[in-house]
Amino acid sequence: QLYGDIPLRTEPVRSLDEIQKEKSSQNDIYDLIINDLIFAESNLPDDAVDEGRVYKLAATGLLAKVYLTTAGYPLNITANYSLAKTKAVEVITSDKFQLLEDYAQVFHNNRYTSETIWEALVSPPNVSNPLHQNTAPTGNQTAIMLPTEAFTNSFAVGDRRAEWGIKDGYTNAKGNEIVSRTYYNKFIDEQFFEDEL
């Protein structure tokens, strides 16, 4: 999605002579991805051995996403819309997942929730989300993802995506103003704000 046509490798490079390789088409890249996911879906266990490990429905969910991606621009394989729907419905009707009551409960977790299909587990504050740095306009951090006033005002009154997800500054428990402008709250680990002087 980011780079378009790229060199496709399925074997390790074993010599300098093998470094140069022509680009492959996005179709070829996605064919490999889809075939890998179909194989994974057929061969993975129904349930993860441990939380954080991959399992059948994780592959099914990713397959739905890849089918949806290839159905749109630039590949426009419109037949994949139907395949994406089929795979998404398999995940939805599996009875293994349930939407949380509150939008805010989706974020700031270090364990799975009832919505989680598959995700990397973290142990805050030892492992941080790189989106924290990209959205936290604090100290010497240059936030590159900040909400505009027009975006903030586009939400209806009471919409939790704006009410909880967009904050207008942050003052920590010590009374220090850590953030002086509007920022996206959903990617922030507030412990880092509290640890600020």
N, C-alpha and C. Protein backbone atom coordinates (compact mmCIF):
# COMPACT_ATOMS: atom_id res chain seq x y z
N GLN A 1 0.82 -1.19 0.00
CA GLN A 1 0.00 0.00 0.00
C GLN A 1 0.86 1.25 0.00
N LEU A 2 2.01 1.23 0.65
CA LEU A 2 2.86 2.41 0.73
C LEU A 2 3.77 2.56 -0.48
N TYR A 3 4.27 1.45 -1.01
CA TYR A 3 5.35 1.53 -1.99
C TYR A 3 4.99 1.02 -3.38
N GLY A 4 3.82 0.44 -3.57
CA GLY A 4 3.44 -0.02 -4.89
C GLY A 4 4.23 -1.24 -5.32
N ASP A 5 4.73 -1.20 -6.56
CA ASP A 5 5.51 -2.33 -7.07
C ASP A 5 6.86 -2.38 -6.35
N ILE A 6 7.21 -3.55 -5.85
CA ILE A 6 8.48 -3.73 -5.14
C ILE A 6 9.08 -5.07 -5.56
N PRO A 7 10.39 -5.27 -5.32
CA PRO A 7 10.98 -6.58 -5.60
C PRO A 7 10.35 -7.64 -4.69
N LEU A 8 9.94 -8.73 -5.28
CA LEU A 8 9.30 -9.82 -4.53
C LEU A 8 10.32 -10.91 -4.30
N ARG A 9 10.58 -11.18 -3.03
CA ARG A 9 11.53 -12.24 -2.69
C ARG A 9 10.85 -13.29 -1.83
N THR A 10 11.06 -14.54 -2.18
CA THR A 10 10.54 -15.64 -1.39
C THR A 10 11.66 -16.54 -0.88
N GLU A 11 12.90 -16.21 -1.26
CA GLU A 11 14.07 -16.96 -0.82
C GLU A 11 15.09 -15.97 -0.27
N PRO A 12 15.92 -16.38 0.70
CA PRO A 12 16.95 -15.47 1.22
C PRO A 12 18.01 -15.15 0.18
N VAL A 13 18.58 -13.96 0.26
CA VAL A 13 19.69 -13.56 -0.61
C VAL A 13 20.96 -14.21 -0.08
N ARG A 14 21.66 -14.95 -0.94
CA ARG A 14 22.84 -15.70 -0.49
C ARG A 14 24.14 -15.19 -1.09
N SER A 15 24.05 -14.21 -2.00
CA SER A 15 25.27 -13.65 -2.57
C SER A 15 25.00 -12.25 -3.06
N LEU A 16 26.07 -11.48 -3.30
CA LEU A 16 25.93 -10.12 -3.80
C LEU A 16 25.29 -10.10 -5.17
N ASP A 17 25.50 -11.16 -5.94
CA ASP A 17 24.92 -11.23 -7.28
C ASP A 17 23.39 -11.27 -7.25
N GLU A 18 22.82 -11.65 -6.13
CA GLU A 18 21.37 -11.79 -6.03
C GLU A 18 20.69 -10.54 -5.48
N ILE A 19 21.50 -9.51 -5.17
CA ILE A 19 20.91 -8.32 -4.54
C ILE A 19 19.99 -7.57 -5.50
N GLN A 20 20.44 -7.34 -6.72
CA GLN A 20 19.62 -6.61 -7.69
C GLN A 20 18.48 -7.49 -8.16
N LYS A 21 17.29 -6.95 -8.13
CA LYS A 21 16.11 -7.71 -8.56
C LYS A 21 15.09 -6.73 -9.11
N GLU A 22 14.47 -7.11 -10.20
CA GLU A 22 13.43 -6.28 -10.81
C GLU A 22 12.21 -6.20 -9.88
N LYS A 23 11.47 -5.12 -10.01
CA LYS A 23 10.24 -4.99 -9.24
C LYS A 23 9.18 -5.96 -9.76
N SER A 24 8.36 -6.43 -8.84
CA SER A 24 7.20 -7.24 -9.20
C SER A 24 5.95 -6.37 -9.10
N SER A 25 4.92 -6.75 -9.80
CA SER A 25 3.68 -5.97 -9.78
C SER A 25 2.98 -6.15 -8.43
N GLN A 26 2.14 -5.18 -8.09
CA GLN A 26 1.35 -5.28 -6.87
C GLN A 26 0.46 -6.52 -6.90
N ASN A 27 -0.03 -6.88 -8.10
CA ASN A 27 -0.85 -8.08 -8.21
C ASN A 27 -0.09 -9.31 -7.73
N ASP A 28 1.18 -9.42 -8.15
CA ASP A 28 2.00 -10.57 -7.73
C ASP A 28 2.25 -10.54 -6.22
N ILE A 29 2.48 -9.34 -5.68
CA ILE A 29 2.73 -9.21 -4.24
C ILE A 29 1.49 -9.65 -3.47
N TYR A 30 0.32 -9.13 -3.88
CA TYR A 30 -0.92 -9.48 -3.17
C TYR A 30 -1.30 -10.94 -3.37
N ASP A 31 -0.97 -11.52 -4.52
CA ASP A 31 -1.23 -12.95 -4.72
C ASP A 31 -0.46 -13.77 -3.69
N LEU A 32 0.80 -13.38 -3.45
CA LEU A 32 1.60 -14.09 -2.45
C LEU A 32 1.00 -13.92 -1.05
N ILE A 33 0.61 -12.70 -0.72
CA ILE A 33 0.03 -12.43 0.60
C ILE A 33 -1.25 -13.23 0.79
N ILE A 34 -2.11 -13.22 -0.21
CA ILE A 34 -3.38 -13.95 -0.12
C ILE A 34 -3.14 -15.45 0.01
N ASN A 35 -2.23 -15.98 -0.79
CA ASN A 35 -1.93 -17.42 -0.71
C ASN A 35 -1.35 -17.79 0.65
N ASP A 36 -0.50 -16.93 1.20
CA ASP A 36 0.05 -17.18 2.54
C ASP A 36 -1.06 -17.19 3.58
N LEU A 37 -1.99 -16.24 3.48
CA LEU A 37 -3.08 -16.16 4.46
C LEU A 37 -4.06 -17.33 4.32
N ILE A 38 -4.31 -17.75 3.10
CA ILE A 38 -5.18 -18.91 2.90
C ILE A 38 -4.53 -20.15 3.51
N PHE A 39 -3.22 -20.30 3.31
CA PHE A 39 -2.49 -21.43 3.91
C PHE A 39 -2.56 -21.34 5.44
N ALA A 40 -2.33 -20.12 5.97
CA ALA A 40 -2.36 -19.94 7.42
C ALA A 40 -3.73 -20.26 7.99
N GLU A 41 -4.76 -19.77 7.32
CA GLU A 41 -6.13 -20.00 7.77
C GLU A 41 -6.45 -21.50 7.83
N SER A 42 -5.94 -22.24 6.87
CA SER A 42 -6.21 -23.68 6.80
C SER A 42 -5.39 -24.50 7.78
N ASN A 43 -4.26 -23.96 8.24
CA ASN A 43 -3.33 -24.75 9.04
C ASN A 43 -3.15 -24.29 10.48
N LEU A 44 -3.65 -23.12 10.81
CA LEU A 44 -3.52 -22.64 12.19
C LEU A 44 -4.57 -23.29 13.08
N PRO A 45 -4.29 -23.35 14.39
CA PRO A 45 -5.29 -23.90 15.32
C PRO A 45 -6.48 -22.96 15.46
N ASP A 46 -7.61 -23.51 15.89
CA ASP A 46 -8.82 -22.69 16.08
C ASP A 46 -8.63 -21.66 17.18
N ASP A 47 -7.85 -21.99 18.20
CA ASP A 47 -7.62 -21.07 19.32
C ASP A 47 -6.12 -20.87 19.51
N ALA A 48 -5.76 -19.66 19.94
CA ALA A 48 -4.35 -19.35 20.20
C ALA A 48 -3.86 -20.13 21.39
N VAL A 49 -2.63 -20.61 21.30
CA VAL A 49 -2.02 -21.32 22.42
C VAL A 49 -1.85 -20.37 23.61
N ASP A 50 -1.43 -19.16 23.33
CA ASP A 50 -1.27 -18.11 24.35
C ASP A 50 -1.81 -16.81 23.77
N GLU A 51 -2.25 -15.91 24.62
CA GLU A 51 -2.69 -14.59 24.18
C GLU A 51 -1.54 -13.92 23.44
N GLY A 52 -1.83 -13.40 22.27
CA GLY A 52 -0.80 -12.76 21.46
C GLY A 52 -0.28 -13.64 20.34
N ARG A 53 -0.57 -14.95 20.40
CA ARG A 53 -0.14 -15.86 19.34
C ARG A 53 -1.21 -15.93 18.26
N VAL A 54 -0.78 -16.18 17.04
CA VAL A 54 -1.70 -16.19 15.90
C VAL A 54 -2.54 -17.47 15.89
N TYR A 55 -3.75 -17.37 15.35
CA TYR A 55 -4.67 -18.50 15.27
C TYR A 55 -5.56 -18.31 14.05
N LYS A 56 -6.44 -19.26 13.78
CA LYS A 56 -7.21 -19.30 12.53
C LYS A 56 -7.96 -18.00 12.23
N LEU A 57 -8.75 -17.49 13.17
CA LEU A 57 -9.55 -16.30 12.88
C LEU A 57 -8.71 -15.03 12.71
N ALA A 58 -7.50 -15.03 13.24
CA ALA A 58 -6.60 -13.90 12.98
C ALA A 58 -6.25 -13.86 11.50
N ALA A 59 -5.97 -15.03 10.93
CA ALA A 59 -5.69 -15.10 9.49
C ALA A 59 -6.94 -14.76 8.68
N THR A 60 -8.10 -15.21 9.13
CA THR A 60 -9.36 -14.91 8.43
C THR A 60 -9.60 -13.40 8.41
N GLY A 61 -9.41 -12.74 9.54
CA GLY A 61 -9.59 -11.29 9.62
C GLY A 61 -8.63 -10.54 8.72
N LEU A 62 -7.36 -10.97 8.70
CA LEU A 62 -6.39 -10.32 7.82
C LEU A 62 -6.73 -10.57 6.35
N LEU A 63 -7.23 -11.76 6.05
CA LEU A 63 -7.63 -12.07 4.69
C LEU A 63 -8.77 -11.16 4.23
N ALA A 64 -9.73 -10.90 5.13
CA ALA A 64 -10.81 -9.97 4.80
C ALA A 64 -10.25 -8.59 4.48
N LYS A 65 -9.29 -8.15 5.27
CA LYS A 65 -8.69 -6.83 5.06
C LYS A 65 -7.95 -6.76 3.73
N VAL A 66 -7.19 -7.81 3.42
CA VAL A 66 -6.42 -7.82 2.17
C VAL A 66 -7.36 -7.88 0.96
N TYR A 67 -8.41 -8.69 1.05
CA TYR A 67 -9.38 -8.74 -0.05
C TYR A 67 -10.01 -7.36 -0.26
N LEU A 68 -10.36 -6.69 0.83
CA LEU A 68 -10.96 -5.37 0.72
C LEU A 68 -9.99 -4.37 0.09
N THR A 69 -8.72 -4.45 0.51
CA THR A 69 -7.69 -3.57 -0.04
C THR A 69 -7.52 -3.77 -1.54
N THR A 70 -7.48 -5.03 -1.97
CA THR A 70 -7.26 -5.30 -3.39
C THR A 70 -8.50 -5.01 -4.24
N ALA A 71 -9.66 -4.96 -3.61
CA ALA A 71 -10.89 -4.66 -4.35
C ALA A 71 -10.93 -3.20 -4.79
N GLY A 72 -10.25 -2.34 -4.03
CA GLY A 72 -10.25 -0.91 -4.34
C GLY A 72 -9.03 -0.49 -5.14
N TYR A 73 -8.83 0.81 -5.21
CA TYR A 73 -7.71 1.39 -5.96
C TYR A 73 -6.38 0.98 -5.32
N PRO A 74 -5.35 0.64 -6.07
CA PRO A 74 -5.25 0.74 -7.53
C PRO A 74 -5.53 -0.57 -8.28
N LEU A 75 -5.69 -1.68 -7.55
CA LEU A 75 -5.87 -2.96 -8.24
C LEU A 75 -7.28 -3.11 -8.80
N ASN A 76 -8.27 -2.63 -8.06
CA ASN A 76 -9.66 -2.66 -8.53
C ASN A 76 -10.15 -4.06 -8.90
N ILE A 77 -9.79 -5.05 -8.09
CA ILE A 77 -10.28 -6.41 -8.30
C ILE A 77 -11.63 -6.48 -7.59
N THR A 78 -12.66 -5.97 -8.21
CA THR A 78 -13.95 -5.78 -7.54
C THR A 78 -14.58 -7.07 -7.05
N ALA A 79 -14.22 -8.20 -7.65
CA ALA A 79 -14.75 -9.48 -7.17
C ALA A 79 -14.31 -9.75 -5.74
N ASN A 80 -13.23 -9.10 -5.30
CA ASN A 80 -12.73 -9.32 -3.94
C ASN A 80 -13.59 -8.65 -2.87
N TYR A 81 -14.49 -7.75 -3.28
CA TYR A 81 -15.43 -7.19 -2.29
C TYR A 81 -16.26 -8.31 -1.67
N SER A 82 -16.73 -9.20 -2.51
CA SER A 82 -17.54 -10.31 -2.03
C SER A 82 -16.73 -11.25 -1.14
N LEU A 83 -15.48 -11.51 -1.54
CA LEU A 83 -14.61 -12.36 -0.72
C LEU A 83 -14.31 -11.70 0.63
N ALA A 84 -14.10 -10.38 0.61
CA ALA A 84 -13.85 -9.65 1.86
C ALA A 84 -15.04 -9.76 2.79
N LYS A 85 -16.24 -9.61 2.22
CA LYS A 85 -17.46 -9.71 3.03
C LYS A 85 -17.59 -11.11 3.63
N THR A 86 -17.34 -12.13 2.83
CA THR A 86 -17.45 -13.51 3.30
C THR A 86 -16.53 -13.76 4.49
N LYS A 87 -15.28 -13.31 4.38
CA LYS A 87 -14.31 -13.53 5.45
C LYS A 87 -14.64 -12.69 6.68
N ALA A 88 -15.10 -11.46 6.47
CA ALA A 88 -15.48 -10.61 7.60
C ALA A 88 -16.66 -11.20 8.35
N VAL A 89 -17.64 -11.73 7.61
CA VAL A 89 -18.81 -12.34 8.23
C VAL A 89 -18.40 -13.58 9.04
N GLU A 90 -17.42 -14.33 8.55
CA GLU A 90 -16.93 -15.49 9.31
C GLU A 90 -16.40 -15.06 10.68
N VAL A 91 -15.69 -13.95 10.71
CA VAL A 91 -15.15 -13.45 11.98
C VAL A 91 -16.29 -12.94 12.86
N ILE A 92 -17.18 -12.15 12.28
CA ILE A 92 -18.26 -11.53 13.04
C ILE A 92 -19.20 -12.57 13.64
N THR A 93 -19.51 -13.62 12.88
CA THR A 93 -20.48 -14.62 13.34
C THR A 93 -19.84 -15.77 14.11
N SER A 94 -18.55 -15.65 14.41
CA SER A 94 -17.86 -16.72 15.15
C SER A 94 -18.26 -16.76 16.62
N ASP A 95 -18.89 -15.70 17.11
CA ASP A 95 -19.27 -15.57 18.52
C ASP A 95 -18.06 -15.52 19.46
N LYS A 96 -16.91 -15.20 18.92
CA LYS A 96 -15.70 -15.09 19.76
C LYS A 96 -15.41 -13.64 20.15
N PHE A 97 -16.11 -12.70 19.52
CA PHE A 97 -15.81 -11.29 19.76
C PHE A 97 -17.09 -10.52 20.04
N GLN A 98 -16.94 -9.44 20.79
CA GLN A 98 -18.09 -8.59 21.12
C GLN A 98 -17.60 -7.16 21.26
N LEU A 99 -18.36 -6.22 20.68
CA LEU A 99 -17.99 -4.82 20.79
C LEU A 99 -18.10 -4.37 22.24
N LEU A 100 -17.16 -3.55 22.68
CA LEU A 100 -17.19 -3.00 24.02
C LEU A 100 -18.26 -1.91 24.11
N GLU A 101 -18.75 -1.69 25.31
CA GLU A 101 -19.82 -0.72 25.52
C GLU A 101 -19.36 0.71 25.24
N ASP A 102 -18.11 1.01 25.58
CA ASP A 102 -17.61 2.37 25.47
C ASP A 102 -16.40 2.42 24.55
N TYR A 103 -16.40 3.35 23.64
CA TYR A 103 -15.30 3.56 22.69
C TYR A 103 -13.96 3.65 23.42
N ALA A 104 -13.92 4.33 24.56
CA ALA A 104 -12.66 4.54 25.28
C ALA A 104 -12.04 3.24 25.77
N GLN A 105 -12.86 2.20 25.96
CA GLN A 105 -12.33 0.93 26.47
C GLN A 105 -11.49 0.18 25.44
N VAL A 106 -11.55 0.61 24.19
CA VAL A 106 -10.79 -0.05 23.14
C VAL A 106 -9.30 0.26 23.29
N PHE A 107 -8.99 1.41 23.81
CA PHE A 107 -7.62 1.89 23.86
C PHE A 107 -7.04 1.80 25.28
N HIS A 108 -5.73 2.03 25.37
CA HIS A 108 -5.00 2.06 26.64
C HIS A 108 -5.07 0.72 27.37
N ASN A 109 -5.06 -0.36 26.61
CA ASN A 109 -5.07 -1.70 27.22
C ASN A 109 -3.73 -2.38 26.94
N ASN A 110 -3.29 -3.22 27.87
CA ASN A 110 -2.10 -4.02 27.59
C ASN A 110 -2.44 -5.51 27.55
N ARG A 111 -3.74 -5.83 27.56
CA ARG A 111 -4.19 -7.21 27.37
C ARG A 111 -5.33 -7.18 26.36
N TYR A 112 -5.73 -8.32 25.90
CA TYR A 112 -6.83 -8.42 24.95
C TYR A 112 -8.14 -7.97 25.60
N THR A 113 -9.02 -7.43 24.76
CA THR A 113 -10.39 -7.14 25.18
C THR A 113 -11.32 -8.05 24.39
N SER A 114 -12.61 -7.92 24.60
CA SER A 114 -13.57 -8.75 23.86
C SER A 114 -13.60 -8.40 22.37
N GLU A 115 -13.02 -7.25 21.99
CA GLU A 115 -12.96 -6.86 20.58
C GLU A 115 -11.71 -7.36 19.88
N THR A 116 -10.71 -7.76 20.63
CA THR A 116 -9.41 -8.07 20.06
C THR A 116 -9.44 -9.34 19.22
N ILE A 117 -9.01 -9.21 17.98
CA ILE A 117 -8.83 -10.39 17.12
C ILE A 117 -7.39 -10.87 17.26
N TRP A 118 -6.46 -9.96 17.04
CA TRP A 118 -5.03 -10.29 17.20
C TRP A 118 -4.26 -8.99 17.26
N GLU A 119 -3.40 -8.84 18.24
CA GLU A 119 -2.57 -7.64 18.34
C GLU A 119 -1.34 -7.93 19.17
N ALA A 120 -0.36 -7.06 19.00
CA ALA A 120 0.88 -7.19 19.77
C ALA A 120 0.60 -6.80 21.22
N LEU A 121 1.15 -7.57 22.14
CA LEU A 121 0.99 -7.25 23.56
C LEU A 121 2.16 -6.37 24.00
N VAL A 122 1.86 -5.41 24.85
CA VAL A 122 2.90 -4.52 25.35
C VAL A 122 2.89 -4.53 26.87
N SER A 123 4.00 -4.10 27.44
CA SER A 123 4.10 -4.01 28.90
C SER A 123 4.48 -2.59 29.26
N PRO A 124 3.52 -1.66 29.27
CA PRO A 124 3.84 -0.27 29.58
C PRO A 124 4.39 -0.14 30.99
N PRO A 125 5.30 0.80 31.26
CA PRO A 125 5.82 1.76 30.28
C PRO A 125 7.07 1.26 29.56
N ASN A 126 7.39 -0.02 29.66
CA ASN A 126 8.61 -0.53 29.04
C ASN A 126 8.55 -0.50 27.51
N VAL A 127 7.39 -0.73 26.95
CA VAL A 127 7.21 -0.70 25.51
C VAL A 127 6.16 0.35 25.19
N SER A 128 6.52 1.31 24.36
CA SER A 128 5.56 2.38 24.07
C SER A 128 5.07 2.27 22.64
N ASN A 129 3.91 2.81 22.41
CA ASN A 129 3.33 2.87 21.09
C ASN A 129 3.99 4.03 20.35
N PRO A 130 4.57 3.79 19.15
CA PRO A 130 5.20 4.91 18.43
C PRO A 130 4.22 6.02 18.11
N LEU A 131 2.92 5.70 18.09
CA LEU A 131 1.92 6.74 17.85
C LEU A 131 1.83 7.71 19.02
N HIS A 132 2.29 7.29 20.21
CA HIS A 132 2.34 8.22 21.35
C HIS A 132 3.23 9.40 20.99
N GLN A 133 4.41 9.11 20.49
CA GLN A 133 5.33 10.18 20.14
C GLN A 133 4.79 11.03 18.99
N ASN A 134 4.13 10.39 18.04
CA ASN A 134 3.62 11.13 16.87
C ASN A 134 2.43 12.02 17.20
N THR A 135 1.77 11.77 18.35
CA THR A 135 0.57 12.55 18.68
C THR A 135 0.71 13.32 19.99
N ALA A 136 1.85 13.23 20.66
CA ALA A 136 2.03 13.92 21.94
C ALA A 136 2.91 15.16 21.77
N PRO A 137 2.31 16.33 21.69
CA PRO A 137 3.08 17.56 21.50
C PRO A 137 3.68 18.05 22.82
N THR A 138 4.65 17.30 23.34
CA THR A 138 5.25 17.63 24.63
C THR A 138 6.75 17.80 24.51
N GLY A 139 7.31 18.64 25.37
CA GLY A 139 8.76 18.81 25.45
C GLY A 139 9.41 18.93 24.09
N ASN A 140 10.38 18.02 23.83
CA ASN A 140 11.08 18.09 22.55
C ASN A 140 10.47 17.16 21.50
N GLN A 141 9.30 16.59 21.80
CA GLN A 141 8.63 15.72 20.83
C GLN A 141 7.83 16.57 19.85
N THR A 142 8.06 16.33 18.57
CA THR A 142 7.32 17.04 17.54
C THR A 142 6.19 16.15 17.07
N ALA A 143 5.00 16.45 17.50
CA ALA A 143 3.84 15.67 17.08
C ALA A 143 3.53 15.98 15.63
N ILE A 144 3.35 14.93 14.84
CA ILE A 144 3.05 15.13 13.43
C ILE A 144 1.60 14.81 13.10
N MET A 145 0.87 14.27 14.09
CA MET A 145 -0.54 13.96 13.90
C MET A 145 -1.35 14.70 14.96
N LEU A 146 -1.92 15.82 14.57
CA LEU A 146 -2.70 16.63 15.51
C LEU A 146 -4.05 16.99 14.88
N PRO A 147 -5.11 16.99 15.69
CA PRO A 147 -6.43 17.31 15.15
C PRO A 147 -6.56 18.80 14.83
N THR A 148 -7.21 19.08 13.72
CA THR A 148 -7.50 20.47 13.38
C THR A 148 -8.82 20.87 14.02
N GLU A 149 -9.05 22.15 14.11
CA GLU A 149 -10.31 22.64 14.67
C GLU A 149 -11.50 22.16 13.83
N ALA A 150 -11.32 22.16 12.50
CA ALA A 150 -12.40 21.72 11.61
C ALA A 150 -12.73 20.25 11.85
N PHE A 151 -11.70 19.43 12.06
CA PHE A 151 -11.93 18.00 12.31
C PHE A 151 -12.64 17.81 13.64
N THR A 152 -12.17 18.48 14.66
CA THR A 152 -12.77 18.37 15.98
C THR A 152 -14.24 18.79 15.95
N ASN A 153 -14.54 19.86 15.23
CA ASN A 153 -15.91 20.37 15.16
C ASN A 153 -16.83 19.53 14.27
N SER A 154 -16.27 18.57 13.56
CA SER A 154 -17.08 17.76 12.64
C SER A 154 -17.88 16.68 13.37
N PHE A 155 -17.57 16.44 14.65
CA PHE A 155 -18.28 15.41 15.41
C PHE A 155 -19.54 15.97 16.05
N ALA A 156 -20.56 15.13 16.17
CA ALA A 156 -21.79 15.54 16.84
C ALA A 156 -21.53 15.66 18.34
N VAL A 157 -22.30 16.48 19.01
CA VAL A 157 -22.18 16.63 20.46
C VAL A 157 -22.44 15.28 21.13
N GLY A 158 -21.55 14.88 22.04
CA GLY A 158 -21.71 13.61 22.74
C GLY A 158 -21.05 12.42 22.06
N ASP A 159 -20.49 12.62 20.87
CA ASP A 159 -19.79 11.53 20.18
C ASP A 159 -18.51 11.24 20.95
N ARG A 160 -18.39 10.00 21.47
CA ARG A 160 -17.25 9.65 22.32
C ARG A 160 -15.92 9.70 21.56
N ARG A 161 -15.97 9.57 20.26
CA ARG A 161 -14.72 9.65 19.50
C ARG A 161 -14.08 11.02 19.68
N ALA A 162 -14.90 12.04 19.80
CA ALA A 162 -14.37 13.39 20.04
C ALA A 162 -14.27 13.67 21.54
N GLU A 163 -15.30 13.29 22.27
CA GLU A 163 -15.37 13.60 23.70
C GLU A 163 -14.19 12.99 24.47
N TRP A 164 -13.88 11.73 24.18
CA TRP A 164 -12.78 11.07 24.85
C TRP A 164 -11.50 11.08 24.01
N GLY A 165 -11.65 10.99 22.70
CA GLY A 165 -10.49 10.79 21.84
C GLY A 165 -9.70 12.03 21.51
N ILE A 166 -10.27 13.22 21.71
CA ILE A 166 -9.56 14.46 21.42
C ILE A 166 -9.57 15.32 22.67
N LYS A 167 -8.39 15.62 23.20
CA LYS A 167 -8.27 16.40 24.43
C LYS A 167 -7.65 17.75 24.15
N ASP A 168 -8.08 18.73 24.93
CA ASP A 168 -7.57 20.09 24.78
C ASP A 168 -6.58 20.38 25.90
N GLY A 169 -5.37 19.88 25.74
CA GLY A 169 -4.31 20.09 26.73
C GLY A 169 -4.33 19.05 27.83
N TYR A 170 -3.21 18.98 28.58
CA TYR A 170 -3.10 18.02 29.68
C TYR A 170 -2.27 18.62 30.80
N THR A 171 -2.83 18.62 32.00
CA THR A 171 -2.11 19.04 33.21
C THR A 171 -2.00 17.82 34.10
N ASN A 172 -0.78 17.47 34.51
CA ASN A 172 -0.61 16.24 35.29
C ASN A 172 -0.94 16.47 36.76
N ALA A 173 -0.84 15.39 37.54
CA ALA A 173 -1.23 15.43 38.95
C ALA A 173 -0.36 16.39 39.76
N LYS A 174 0.83 16.71 39.29
CA LYS A 174 1.72 17.66 39.98
C LYS A 174 1.36 19.10 39.67
N GLY A 175 0.36 19.28 38.78
CA GLY A 175 -0.05 20.63 38.42
C GLY A 175 0.73 21.23 37.27
N ASN A 176 1.56 20.43 36.61
CA ASN A 176 2.34 20.93 35.49
C ASN A 176 1.59 20.75 34.18
N GLU A 177 1.54 21.81 33.40
CA GLU A 177 0.91 21.71 32.09
C GLU A 177 1.88 20.98 31.16
N ILE A 178 1.51 19.77 30.75
CA ILE A 178 2.38 18.94 29.92
C ILE A 178 2.10 19.18 28.44
N VAL A 179 0.82 19.35 28.11
CA VAL A 179 0.43 19.62 26.73
C VAL A 179 -0.43 20.88 26.74
N SER A 180 -0.11 21.80 25.85
CA SER A 180 -0.83 23.08 25.85
C SER A 180 -1.73 23.25 24.63
N ARG A 181 -1.89 22.20 23.85
CA ARG A 181 -2.75 22.29 22.67
C ARG A 181 -3.59 21.04 22.52
N THR A 182 -4.44 21.00 21.54
CA THR A 182 -5.31 19.86 21.31
C THR A 182 -4.50 18.69 20.76
N TYR A 183 -4.83 17.47 21.23
CA TYR A 183 -4.11 16.27 20.78
C TYR A 183 -5.06 15.07 20.77
N TYR A 184 -4.64 14.00 20.08
CA TYR A 184 -5.40 12.75 20.07
C TYR A 184 -5.07 11.95 21.32
N ASN A 185 -6.06 11.67 22.12
CA ASN A 185 -5.87 10.97 23.39
C ASN A 185 -5.70 9.46 23.22
N LYS A 186 -6.26 8.89 22.16
CA LYS A 186 -6.33 7.44 22.08
C LYS A 186 -4.97 6.77 21.98
N PHE A 187 -3.94 7.47 21.53
CA PHE A 187 -2.62 6.86 21.41
C PHE A 187 -1.70 7.20 22.57
N ILE A 188 -2.19 7.93 23.54
CA ILE A 188 -1.34 8.46 24.61
C ILE A 188 -1.28 7.50 25.80
N ASP A 189 -0.07 7.29 26.31
CA ASP A 189 0.11 6.60 27.58
C ASP A 189 0.28 7.69 28.63
N GLU A 190 -0.78 7.93 29.41
CA GLU A 190 -0.78 9.05 30.34
C GLU A 190 0.30 8.94 31.41
N GLN A 191 0.82 7.73 31.64
CA GLN A 191 1.87 7.57 32.64
C GLN A 191 3.09 8.40 32.25
N PHE A 192 3.37 8.48 30.94
CA PHE A 192 4.49 9.28 30.48
C PHE A 192 4.25 10.76 30.78
N PHE A 193 2.99 11.20 30.67
CA PHE A 193 2.65 12.57 31.02
C PHE A 193 2.83 12.81 32.51
N GLU A 194 2.40 11.84 33.30
CA GLU A 194 2.50 11.99 34.76
C GLU A 194 3.96 11.99 35.23
N ASP A 195 4.82 11.30 34.51
CA ASP A 195 6.23 11.23 34.88
C ASP A 195 6.99 12.49 34.50
N GLU A 196 6.39 13.36 33.66
CA GLU A 196 7.03 14.60 33.27
C GLU A 196 7.18 15.50 34.50
N LEU A 197 8.24 16.29 34.52
CA LEU A 197 8.48 17.19 35.66
C LEU A 197 7.40 18.25 35.79
